[in-house]
Every structure is written in C-alpha cells, then in structure tokens.
Amino acid sequence: MATINAYRMDGLGNDFIIIDRRENSIEISKNKIIELGNRDNIGFDQIILIEKKQKNVFPITIYNSDGGEVSACGNGARCVAYLLSEKLSSKNIELKTNNRILNAKVVEDFLVELEMGKPLFGSKEIPLSKTVDPSNISLEIDNKIFNSGFCVNVGNPHIVFFVKDCFENNLKVIGPKIENHELFPDRINVTFAQMIDRENILVNVWERGAGLTKACGTAACATAVAALKNKISERRVDIKFKEGFLSIEIDKDENIFMTGPVSKVKNINIEV
C-alpha cells in the first residue's frame, strides 16, 4: 500500500475525494474505491481523478462509490474546477469528461458556474432499451404505477417524476428498483421533483451507483430541463436540496448552466 495526498470537498453535502494525477500516475482499483467509499471508512459519493492536461483542458475520470465509472458529475466538476482555480490562480477552468467539455467559472469565493452542454432526448442517447416516448415513461414498481417520468441525458441518464410530495415515496426502497429497471441498460439516476412555483423546485434524488444523496448536480440539470419542456417552469430555476440550492439556467440554444456553492478544500491522506 502507498499513502497519497488527496482532497475532500463537497457541493451541498454531495461529497467527493479528488486525486490529482496530473504529474503522478496513481493507480486505484475498483475494490479499493468500494472500500474507501464505504461510509464506515472515508466515505464519499464519488471519487474524481484529475488527469494530465491536454492543451488547456483538464480531463477528469469519475467513479461512483460502487466502483463504477460514470460520465458526469456536476457538483464534482464544480469542486474540481474550484480546486484547480486555486492551484492555477485562474477563474476559468475547462474540464473534459468522457463525453463532453465542461466550462467552469469561479464567480466568487466558493461559488462556481459550470456550463454543462446540451441535453439529449433520444431513446438511444439516454439510453433506453426500447424506443418509447422518453418524456412520458410509466413504470410499475412494487405494484404501484409511477406515471409521466421524463428521461433525459445531461452527461448521464436521468428520470424525473413530478409529484405533489417528493418525500412521500421511500427512495431507499424504490430508488434502486427504478435505477436497475430493464428499460435502462446503463441504469439511471432517479429524481422525485416537487414544484414550489415556476422558479423553485424541491427534489429528492437517488443517484445511480451512489444511492440516496444530499445533492446531485446533474439531477438538478435534468429536473430543470424536464420542467422547462413540460412548460411548468421558467428558463432559470432554483433546484432545492437539503443543504441549499443550485441555480440552473437553460438558454435558448438549450445549453445548461449550473451555479452553486462548493466547500473549502480539505487535504487528506489515503492509502491505495
């Protein structure tokens, strides 16, 4: 085993371990990620690796606490951008996931805006296992029908249900069943969203591969997209989590912008 320096950060309680691999090629196995991700150990929602710079872009590799690699993590990307901003003394940071470029800007201390790109709506793009209307999905879970689910890919796949009370259903029970439903070949993130008004939405999120989470940046984006497409919200909306909110704005070209707080950077040592 080797002891390495890493960083702990969070965005609204959505917490991460960040490892900087720009200069040292640190290897970490799936089993080690699962071990470290356990809440009885270090514990985190995602572990994010900063890779060697390509021109002026910083690739990042993202793993959920179950050891599975994912393509997007909005809050995590904002945390990485803030960390790199401090290291490089630059307010603008460009990140690259395995399927899109993310432009980040430090707006003020501990507040980061991230351009997430455009949503994808096609059955194959989300992806779904069969061609159906992604904006009107019905699922039967434990003999209960969940209607009008809205599926979208915002870097990773999401389904959003608009309900009267987003905490009425036990997400610890039904979340993993929806996540692993046969309709979703790559599994899916699950959000129950409650409209407060046209500019404020309360959410409860089950995150694919991480479980019940205090906050999820891509879920906030997916919820804003679904609400706008359903014509029940404005282009700018605040998505409210247990520890605060993320401001999501969708421009006329369907580019998604997410702005929200990040924590201070905490240096930690971990054994890999």
C-alpha atoms as a PDB file:
ATOM      1  CA  MET A   1       0.000   0.000   0.000  1.00  0.00           C
ATOM      2  CA  ALA A   2       1.024   3.582  -0.640  1.00  0.00           C
ATOM      3  CA  THR A   3      -0.148   6.680   1.209  1.00  0.00           C
ATOM      4  CA  ILE A   4      -1.050   9.526  -1.131  1.00  0.00           C
ATOM      5  CA  ASN A   5      -2.292  13.067  -0.759  1.00  0.00           C
ATOM      6  CA  ALA A   6      -5.877  13.724  -1.837  1.00  0.00           C
ATOM      7  CA  TYR A   7      -8.576  16.329  -1.315  1.00  0.00           C
ATOM      8  CA  ARG A   8     -12.036  16.192   0.212  1.00  0.00           C
ATOM      9  CA  MET A   9     -14.707  18.610  -0.999  1.00  0.00           C
ATOM     10  CA  ASP A  10     -18.469  18.769  -1.286  1.00  0.00           C
ATOM     11  CA  GLY A  11     -21.194  20.693  -3.054  1.00  0.00           C
ATOM     12  CA  LEU A  12     -24.288  20.997  -0.836  1.00  0.00           C
ATOM     13  CA  GLY A  13     -23.287  17.832   1.012  1.00  0.00           C
ATOM     14  CA  ASN A  14     -22.681  15.846  -2.197  1.00  0.00           C
ATOM     15  CA  ASP A  15     -19.154  14.779  -1.242  1.00  0.00           C
ATOM     16  CA  PHE A  16     -16.055  13.783  -3.160  1.00  0.00           C
ATOM     17  CA  ILE A  17     -12.492  12.605  -2.867  1.00  0.00           C
ATOM     18  CA  ILE A  18     -10.317  14.241  -5.532  1.00  0.00           C
ATOM     19  CA  ILE A  19      -6.945  12.792  -6.570  1.00  0.00           C
ATOM     20  CA  ASP A  20      -4.580  14.859  -8.702  1.00  0.00           C
ATOM     21  CA  ARG A  21      -2.905  12.593 -11.294  1.00  0.00           C
ATOM     22  CA  ARG A  22      -1.502  15.367 -13.482  1.00  0.00           C
ATOM     23  CA  GLU A  23       2.098  14.562 -12.513  1.00  0.00           C
ATOM     24  CA  ASN A  24       1.979  11.153 -10.843  1.00  0.00           C
ATOM     25  CA  SER A  25       0.218   8.162 -12.363  1.00  0.00           C
ATOM     26  CA  ILE A  26      -1.529   6.893  -9.233  1.00  0.00           C
ATOM     27  CA  GLU A  27      -3.450   3.657  -9.754  1.00  0.00           C
ATOM     28  CA  ILE A  28      -6.540   2.793  -7.744  1.00  0.00           C
ATOM     29  CA  SER A  29      -8.529  -0.406  -8.166  1.00  0.00           C
ATOM     30  CA  LYS A  30     -12.300  -0.849  -8.225  1.00  0.00           C
ATOM     31  CA  ASN A  31     -12.156  -2.838  -4.984  1.00  0.00           C
ATOM     32  CA  LYS A  32     -10.170  -0.056  -3.323  1.00  0.00           C
ATOM     33  CA  ILE A  33     -12.728   2.555  -4.487  1.00  0.00           C
ATOM     34  CA  ILE A  34     -15.538   0.465  -2.987  1.00  0.00           C
ATOM     35  CA  GLU A  35     -13.569   0.016   0.236  1.00  0.00           C
ATOM     36  CA  LEU A  36     -12.765   3.735   0.569  1.00  0.00           C
ATOM     37  CA  GLY A  37     -16.283   4.781  -0.443  1.00  0.00           C
ATOM     38  CA  ASN A  38     -17.890   2.894   2.426  1.00  0.00           C
ATOM     39  CA  ARG A  39     -19.277   5.344   4.991  1.00  0.00           C
ATOM     40  CA  ASP A  40     -17.587   3.296   7.739  1.00  0.00           C
ATOM     41  CA  ASN A  41     -14.283   4.145   6.034  1.00  0.00           C
ATOM     42  CA  ILE A  42     -13.514   7.525   4.403  1.00  0.00           C
ATOM     43  CA  GLY A  43     -16.869   7.615   2.606  1.00  0.00           C
ATOM     44  CA  PHE A  44     -17.870   9.628  -0.459  1.00  0.00           C
ATOM     45  CA  ASP A  45     -20.422   9.807  -3.238  1.00  0.00           C
ATOM     46  CA  GLN A  46     -17.783   9.946  -5.995  1.00  0.00           C
ATOM     47  CA  ILE A  47     -14.016   9.783  -6.352  1.00  0.00           C
ATOM     48  CA  ILE A  48     -12.625  12.011  -9.113  1.00  0.00           C
ATOM     49  CA  LEU A  49      -9.210  11.759 -10.757  1.00  0.00           C
ATOM     50  CA  ILE A  50      -7.673  14.816 -12.416  1.00  0.00           C
ATOM     51  CA  GLU A  51      -5.689  13.601 -15.424  1.00  0.00           C
ATOM     52  CA  LYS A  52      -2.761  15.140 -17.309  1.00  0.00           C
ATOM     53  CA  LYS A  53      -3.646  18.341 -19.136  1.00  0.00           C
ATOM     54  CA  GLN A  54      -4.388  18.123 -22.853  1.00  0.00           C
ATOM     55  CA  LYS A  55      -3.640  21.529 -24.324  1.00  0.00           C
ATOM     56  CA  ASN A  56      -5.639  23.787 -21.967  1.00  0.00           C
ATOM     57  CA  VAL A  57      -8.209  21.176 -20.965  1.00  0.00           C
ATOM     58  CA  PHE A  58      -8.147  19.011 -17.826  1.00  0.00           C
ATOM     59  CA  PRO A  59      -9.634  15.539 -18.323  1.00  0.00           C
ATOM     60  CA  ILE A  60     -11.346  14.054 -15.274  1.00  0.00           C
ATOM     61  CA  THR A  61     -12.262  10.447 -14.551  1.00  0.00           C
ATOM     62  CA  ILE A  62     -15.224   9.884 -12.232  1.00  0.00           C
ATOM     63  CA  TYR A  63     -16.155   6.796 -10.208  1.00  0.00           C
ATOM     64  CA  ASN A  64     -19.206   6.270  -8.039  1.00  0.00           C
ATOM     65  CA  SER A  65     -18.772   4.771  -4.585  1.00  0.00           C
ATOM     66  CA  ASP A  66     -19.758   1.366  -6.037  1.00  0.00           C
ATOM     67  CA  GLY A  67     -16.613   1.483  -8.189  1.00  0.00           C
ATOM     68  CA  GLY A  68     -18.424   2.077 -11.477  1.00  0.00           C
ATOM     69  CA  GLU A  69     -17.134   4.752 -13.848  1.00  0.00           C
ATOM     70  CA  VAL A  70     -19.613   7.459 -14.850  1.00  0.00           C
ATOM     71  CA  SER A  71     -19.592  10.177 -17.473  1.00  0.00           C
ATOM     72  CA  ALA A  72     -20.735  13.183 -15.481  1.00  0.00           C
ATOM     73  CA  CYS A  73     -20.872  14.670 -12.015  1.00  0.00           C
ATOM     74  CA  GLY A  74     -21.937  18.319 -11.956  1.00  0.00           C
ATOM     75  CA  ASN A  75     -21.169  19.101  -8.317  1.00  0.00           C
ATOM     76  CA  GLY A  76     -17.924  17.161  -8.509  1.00  0.00           C
ATOM     77  CA  ALA A  77     -16.838  19.027 -11.627  1.00  0.00           C
ATOM     78  CA  ARG A  78     -17.534  22.331  -9.878  1.00  0.00           C
ATOM     79  CA  CYS A  79     -15.386  21.201  -6.926  1.00  0.00           C
ATOM     80  CA  VAL A  80     -12.530  20.133  -9.216  1.00  0.00           C
ATOM     81  CA  ALA A  81     -12.743  23.454 -11.048  1.00  0.00           C
ATOM     82  CA  TYR A  82     -12.501  25.361  -7.760  1.00  0.00           C
ATOM     83  CA  LEU A  83      -9.517  23.265  -6.645  1.00  0.00           C
ATOM     84  CA  LEU A  84      -7.694  23.848  -9.952  1.00  0.00           C
ATOM     85  CA  SER A  85      -8.623  27.524  -9.856  1.00  0.00           C
ATOM     86  CA  GLU A  86      -6.811  27.855  -6.523  1.00  0.00           C
ATOM     87  CA  LYS A  87      -3.794  25.912  -7.765  1.00  0.00           C
ATOM     88  CA  LEU A  88      -3.523  27.784 -11.078  1.00  0.00           C
ATOM     89  CA  SER A  89      -4.752  31.239  -9.968  1.00  0.00           C
ATOM     90  CA  SER A  90      -7.301  31.252 -12.776  1.00  0.00           C
ATOM     91  CA  LYS A  91     -11.038  31.827 -12.513  1.00  0.00           C
ATOM     92  CA  ASN A  92     -11.756  29.935 -15.751  1.00  0.00           C
ATOM     93  CA  ILE A  93     -11.162  26.192 -15.934  1.00  0.00           C
ATOM     94  CA  GLU A  94     -12.008  23.819 -18.791  1.00  0.00           C
ATOM     95  CA  LEU A  95     -12.691  20.194 -17.895  1.00  0.00           C
ATOM     96  CA  LYS A  96     -13.269  17.157 -20.093  1.00  0.00           C
ATOM     97  CA  THR A  97     -15.323  14.107 -19.206  1.00  0.00           C
ATOM     98  CA  ASN A  98     -15.500  11.071 -21.464  1.00  0.00           C
ATOM     99  CA  ASN A  99     -18.421  12.567 -23.414  1.00  0.00           C
ATOM    100  CA  ARG A 100     -18.335  16.373 -23.186  1.00  0.00           C
ATOM    101  CA  ILE A 101     -16.382  19.536 -22.429  1.00  0.00           C
ATOM    102  CA  LEU A 102     -17.359  21.466 -19.288  1.00  0.00           C
ATOM    103  CA  ASN A 103     -16.521  25.163 -18.983  1.00  0.00           C
ATOM    104  CA  ALA A 104     -16.287  26.365 -15.387  1.00  0.00           C
ATOM    105  CA  LYS A 105     -16.011  29.852 -13.951  1.00  0.00           C
ATOM    106  CA  VAL A 106     -15.368  30.810 -10.335  1.00  0.00           C
ATOM    107  CA  VAL A 107     -17.940  33.565  -9.829  1.00  0.00           C
ATOM    108  CA  GLU A 108     -16.818  34.451  -6.314  1.00  0.00           C
ATOM    109  CA  ASP A 109     -15.321  32.686  -3.300  1.00  0.00           C
ATOM    110  CA  PHE A 110     -16.807  29.195  -3.074  1.00  0.00           C
ATOM    111  CA  LEU A 111     -19.314  29.838  -5.880  1.00  0.00           C
ATOM    112  CA  VAL A 112     -18.793  28.131  -9.249  1.00  0.00           C
ATOM    113  CA  GLU A 113     -20.734  28.261 -12.525  1.00  0.00           C
ATOM    114  CA  LEU A 114     -20.498  25.259 -14.826  1.00  0.00           C
ATOM    115  CA  GLU A 115     -21.633  25.080 -18.440  1.00  0.00           C
ATOM    116  CA  MET A 116     -22.946  21.530 -18.769  1.00  0.00           C
ATOM    117  CA  GLY A 117     -23.644  21.456 -22.507  1.00  0.00           C
ATOM    118  CA  LYS A 118     -26.924  20.395 -24.105  1.00  0.00           C
ATOM    119  CA  PRO A 119     -29.397  17.717 -23.016  1.00  0.00           C
ATOM    120  CA  LEU A 120     -30.012  14.621 -25.131  1.00  0.00           C
ATOM    121  CA  PHE A 121     -33.548  13.333 -25.581  1.00  0.00           C
ATOM    122  CA  GLY A 122     -33.319  10.340 -27.929  1.00  0.00           C
ATOM    123  CA  SER A 123     -34.077   6.821 -26.713  1.00  0.00           C
ATOM    124  CA  LYS A 124     -30.648   5.639 -27.862  1.00  0.00           C
ATOM    125  CA  GLU A 125     -28.893   8.699 -26.451  1.00  0.00           C
ATOM    126  CA  ILE A 126     -30.318   8.372 -22.925  1.00  0.00           C
ATOM    127  CA  PRO A 127     -30.168   5.278 -23.400  1.00  0.00           C
ATOM    128  CA  LEU A 128     -33.396   3.276 -23.185  1.00  0.00           C
ATOM    129  CA  SER A 129     -33.643  -0.415 -24.047  1.00  0.00           C
ATOM    130  CA  LYS A 130     -36.555   0.168 -26.420  1.00  0.00           C
ATOM    131  CA  THR A 131     -37.971   3.027 -28.469  1.00  0.00           C
ATOM    132  CA  VAL A 132     -40.641   4.756 -26.388  1.00  0.00           C
ATOM    133  CA  ASP A 133     -41.556   8.369 -25.664  1.00  0.00           C
ATOM    134  CA  PRO A 134     -38.809   9.442 -23.219  1.00  0.00           C
ATOM    135  CA  SER A 135     -40.947  12.341 -21.980  1.00  0.00           C
ATOM    136  CA  ASN A 136     -43.790  10.119 -20.779  1.00  0.00           C
ATOM    137  CA  ILE A 137     -42.488   6.988 -19.085  1.00  0.00           C
ATOM    138  CA  SER A 138     -44.668   4.778 -16.861  1.00  0.00           C
ATOM    139  CA  LEU A 139     -43.078   2.201 -14.566  1.00  0.00           C
ATOM    140  CA  GLU A 140     -44.660  -0.361 -12.256  1.00  0.00           C
ATOM    141  CA  ILE A 141     -42.626  -0.724  -9.065  1.00  0.00           C
ATOM    142  CA  ASP A 142     -43.890  -2.850  -6.144  1.00  0.00           C
ATOM    143  CA  ASN A 143     -47.412  -2.917  -7.626  1.00  0.00           C
ATOM    144  CA  LYS A 144     -47.508   0.872  -7.855  1.00  0.00           C
ATOM    145  CA  ILE A 145     -47.557   2.802 -11.131  1.00  0.00           C
ATOM    146  CA  PHE A 146     -45.268   5.799 -11.479  1.00  0.00           C
ATOM    147  CA  ASN A 147     -46.529   7.882 -14.380  1.00  0.00           C
ATOM    148  CA  SER A 148     -45.167  10.684 -16.569  1.00  0.00           C
ATOM    149  CA  GLY A 149     -41.494  10.057 -15.945  1.00  0.00           C
ATOM    150  CA  PHE A 150     -39.274  12.323 -18.051  1.00  0.00           C
ATOM    151  CA  CYS A 151     -35.996  10.784 -19.260  1.00  0.00           C
ATOM    152  CA  VAL A 152     -33.034  12.849 -20.421  1.00  0.00           C
ATOM    153  CA  ASN A 153     -29.262  12.553 -20.671  1.00  0.00           C
ATOM    154  CA  VAL A 154     -27.310  15.540 -19.321  1.00  0.00           C
ATOM    155  CA  GLY A 155     -23.959  13.755 -19.423  1.00  0.00           C
ATOM    156  CA  ASN A 156     -25.538  10.787 -17.660  1.00  0.00           C
ATOM    157  CA  PRO A 157     -29.062   9.299 -17.758  1.00  0.00           C
ATOM    158  CA  HIS A 158     -31.894  10.603 -15.546  1.00  0.00           C
ATOM    159  CA  ILE A 159     -35.578  10.039 -15.000  1.00  0.00           C
ATOM    160  CA  VAL A 160     -37.618  12.776 -13.298  1.00  0.00           C
ATOM    161  CA  PHE A 161     -41.080  12.335 -11.782  1.00  0.00           C
ATOM    162  CA  PHE A 162     -43.047  15.452 -10.841  1.00  0.00           C
ATOM    163  CA  VAL A 163     -45.107  14.715  -7.729  1.00  0.00           C
ATOM    164  CA  LYS A 164     -47.055  16.571  -5.036  1.00  0.00           C
ATOM    165  CA  ASP A 165     -44.667  15.434  -2.276  1.00  0.00           C
ATOM    166  CA  CYS A 166     -41.155  14.437  -3.306  1.00  0.00           C
ATOM    167  CA  PHE A 167     -40.540  12.700   0.046  1.00  0.00           C
ATOM    168  CA  GLU A 168     -43.726  10.627   0.026  1.00  0.00           C
ATOM    169  CA  ASN A 169     -42.052   7.593  -1.542  1.00  0.00           C
ATOM    170  CA  ASN A 170     -39.175   5.803   0.195  1.00  0.00           C
ATOM    171  CA  LEU A 171     -36.322   6.289  -2.278  1.00  0.00           C
ATOM    172  CA  LYS A 172     -34.098   3.854  -0.379  1.00  0.00           C
ATOM    173  CA  VAL A 173     -36.567   1.144  -1.374  1.00  0.00           C
ATOM    174  CA  ILE A 174     -37.816   2.163  -4.822  1.00  0.00           C
ATOM    175  CA  GLY A 175     -34.723   4.085  -5.968  1.00  0.00           C
ATOM    176  CA  PRO A 176     -32.570   1.019  -6.673  1.00  0.00           C
ATOM    177  CA  LYS A 177     -35.513  -0.755  -8.331  1.00  0.00           C
ATOM    178  CA  ILE A 178     -36.036   2.115 -10.770  1.00  0.00           C
ATOM    179  CA  GLU A 179     -32.275   2.520 -11.249  1.00  0.00           C
ATOM    180  CA  ASN A 180     -31.949  -1.122 -12.304  1.00  0.00           C
ATOM    181  CA  HIS A 181     -35.200  -1.395 -14.294  1.00  0.00           C
ATOM    182  CA  GLU A 182     -34.867  -3.289 -17.579  1.00  0.00           C
ATOM    183  CA  LEU A 183     -35.776  -0.143 -19.531  1.00  0.00           C
ATOM    184  CA  PHE A 184     -32.420   1.392 -18.555  1.00  0.00           C
ATOM    185  CA  PRO A 185     -29.477  -0.633 -19.910  1.00  0.00           C
ATOM    186  CA  ASP A 186     -26.913   1.680 -18.275  1.00  0.00           C
ATOM    187  CA  ARG A 187     -29.051   2.085 -15.140  1.00  0.00           C
ATOM    188  CA  ILE A 188     -30.429   5.544 -14.340  1.00  0.00           C
ATOM    189  CA  ASN A 189     -30.495   8.358 -11.788  1.00  0.00           C
ATOM    190  CA  VAL A 190     -33.900   8.907 -10.184  1.00  0.00           C
ATOM    191  CA  THR A 191     -35.437  12.227  -9.090  1.00  0.00           C
ATOM    192  CA  PHE A 192     -38.772  12.979  -7.476  1.00  0.00           C
ATOM    193  CA  ALA A 193     -39.452  16.677  -8.005  1.00  0.00           C
ATOM    194  CA  GLN A 194     -41.975  18.904  -6.266  1.00  0.00           C
ATOM    195  CA  MET A 195     -42.933  22.217  -7.853  1.00  0.00           C
ATOM    196  CA  ILE A 196     -42.948  25.078  -5.338  1.00  0.00           C
ATOM    197  CA  ASP A 197     -43.532  27.676  -8.039  1.00  0.00           C
ATOM    198  CA  ARG A 198     -42.225  28.326 -11.560  1.00  0.00           C
ATOM    199  CA  GLU A 199     -38.797  29.360 -10.252  1.00  0.00           C
ATOM    200  CA  ASN A 200     -38.300  26.904  -7.374  1.00  0.00           C
ATOM    201  CA  ILE A 201     -38.343  23.107  -7.308  1.00  0.00           C
ATOM    202  CA  LEU A 202     -37.716  20.803  -4.337  1.00  0.00           C
ATOM    203  CA  VAL A 203     -36.111  17.453  -5.155  1.00  0.00           C
ATOM    204  CA  ASN A 204     -35.304  14.073  -3.651  1.00  0.00           C
ATOM    205  CA  VAL A 205     -32.624  12.135  -5.538  1.00  0.00           C
ATOM    206  CA  TRP A 206     -31.446   8.537  -5.789  1.00  0.00           C
ATOM    207  CA  GLU A 207     -28.066   8.603  -7.527  1.00  0.00           C
ATOM    208  CA  ARG A 208     -27.043   5.725  -9.761  1.00  0.00           C
ATOM    209  CA  GLY A 209     -24.198   3.846  -8.106  1.00  0.00           C
ATOM    210  CA  ALA A 210     -24.110   6.100  -5.037  1.00  0.00           C
ATOM    211  CA  GLY A 211     -27.580   5.813  -3.508  1.00  0.00           C
ATOM    212  CA  LEU A 212     -29.586   8.419  -1.644  1.00  0.00           C
ATOM    213  CA  THR A 213     -27.645  11.671  -1.894  1.00  0.00           C
ATOM    214  CA  LYS A 214     -27.855  15.087  -0.262  1.00  0.00           C
ATOM    215  CA  ALA A 215     -27.446  16.770  -3.649  1.00  0.00           C
ATOM    216  CA  CYS A 216     -26.784  15.937  -7.299  1.00  0.00           C
ATOM    217  CA  GLY A 217     -25.776  18.496  -9.909  1.00  0.00           C
ATOM    218  CA  THR A 218     -26.830  16.538 -12.971  1.00  0.00           C
ATOM    219  CA  ALA A 219     -30.168  15.711 -11.311  1.00  0.00           C
ATOM    220  CA  ALA A 220     -30.713  19.446 -10.846  1.00  0.00           C
ATOM    221  CA  CYS A 221     -29.996  19.986 -14.540  1.00  0.00           C
ATOM    222  CA  ALA A 222     -32.274  17.124 -15.594  1.00  0.00           C
ATOM    223  CA  THR A 223     -35.080  18.438 -13.394  1.00  0.00           C
ATOM    224  CA  ALA A 224     -34.779  21.947 -14.845  1.00  0.00           C
ATOM    225  CA  VAL A 225     -34.804  20.555 -18.393  1.00  0.00           C
ATOM    226  CA  ALA A 226     -37.841  18.375 -17.691  1.00  0.00           C
ATOM    227  CA  ALA A 227     -39.745  21.246 -16.048  1.00  0.00           C
ATOM    228  CA  LEU A 228     -38.991  23.617 -18.925  1.00  0.00           C
ATOM    229  CA  LYS A 229     -40.018  21.037 -21.530  1.00  0.00           C
ATOM    230  CA  ASN A 230     -43.246  20.442 -19.604  1.00  0.00           C
ATOM    231  CA  LYS A 231     -43.810  24.225 -19.565  1.00  0.00           C
ATOM    232  CA  ILE A 232     -44.136  24.371 -15.782  1.00  0.00           C
ATOM    233  CA  SER A 233     -41.019  26.460 -15.065  1.00  0.00           C
ATOM    234  CA  GLU A 234     -39.004  29.401 -16.326  1.00  0.00           C
ATOM    235  CA  ARG A 235     -35.629  29.097 -18.074  1.00  0.00           C
ATOM    236  CA  ARG A 236     -33.925  29.938 -14.783  1.00  0.00           C
ATOM    237  CA  VAL A 237     -34.927  27.903 -11.757  1.00  0.00           C
ATOM    238  CA  ASP A 238     -33.536  27.108  -8.309  1.00  0.00           C
ATOM    239  CA  ILE A 239     -33.365  23.390  -7.500  1.00  0.00           C
ATOM    240  CA  LYS A 240     -33.564  22.919  -3.737  1.00  0.00           C
ATOM    241  CA  PHE A 241     -31.743  20.188  -1.807  1.00  0.00           C
ATOM    242  CA  LYS A 242     -31.446  19.518   1.919  1.00  0.00           C
ATOM    243  CA  GLU A 243     -28.461  21.848   2.395  1.00  0.00           C
ATOM    244  CA  GLY A 244     -29.173  24.574  -0.161  1.00  0.00           C
ATOM    245  CA  PHE A 245     -29.911  25.070  -3.832  1.00  0.00           C
ATOM    246  CA  LEU A 246     -28.373  25.056  -7.292  1.00  0.00           C
ATOM    247  CA  SER A 247     -29.369  27.701  -9.815  1.00  0.00           C
ATOM    248  CA  ILE A 248     -29.959  26.233 -13.255  1.00  0.00           C
ATOM    249  CA  GLU A 249     -30.388  28.327 -16.383  1.00  0.00           C
ATOM    250  CA  ILE A 250     -31.159  26.969 -19.846  1.00  0.00           C
ATOM    251  CA  ASP A 251     -30.516  29.339 -22.727  1.00  0.00           C
ATOM    252  CA  LYS A 252     -32.461  29.445 -25.989  1.00  0.00           C
ATOM    253  CA  ASP A 253     -29.946  27.061 -27.593  1.00  0.00           C
ATOM    254  CA  GLU A 254     -30.601  24.570 -24.767  1.00  0.00           C
ATOM    255  CA  ASN A 255     -27.176  25.000 -23.168  1.00  0.00           C
ATOM    256  CA  ILE A 256     -27.394  24.278 -19.432  1.00  0.00           C
ATOM    257  CA  PHE A 257     -25.635  26.469 -16.868  1.00  0.00           C
ATOM    258  CA  MET A 258     -25.391  25.388 -13.228  1.00  0.00           C
ATOM    259  CA  THR A 259     -24.248  27.723 -10.440  1.00  0.00           C
ATOM    260  CA  GLY A 260     -23.807  26.751  -6.819  1.00  0.00           C
ATOM    261  CA  PRO A 261     -21.550  26.649  -3.766  1.00  0.00           C
ATOM    262  CA  VAL A 262     -18.568  24.439  -3.043  1.00  0.00           C
ATOM    263  CA  SER A 263     -16.848  23.732   0.242  1.00  0.00           C
ATOM    264  CA  LYS A 264     -13.342  24.627   1.331  1.00  0.00           C
ATOM    265  CA  VAL A 265     -10.618  22.279   0.094  1.00  0.00           C
ATOM    266  CA  LYS A 266      -9.522  19.815   2.779  1.00  0.00           C
ATOM    267  CA  ASN A 267      -6.211  17.965   2.407  1.00  0.00           C
ATOM    268  CA  ILE A 268      -6.341  14.312   3.440  1.00  0.00           C
ATOM    269  CA  ASN A 269      -4.132  11.226   3.167  1.00  0.00           C
ATOM    270  CA  ILE A 270      -5.488   7.956   1.866  1.00  0.00           C
ATOM    271  CA  GLU A 271      -3.953   4.510   1.438  1.00  0.00           C
ATOM    272  CA  VAL A 272      -4.159   2.970  -2.016  1.00  0.00           C
END
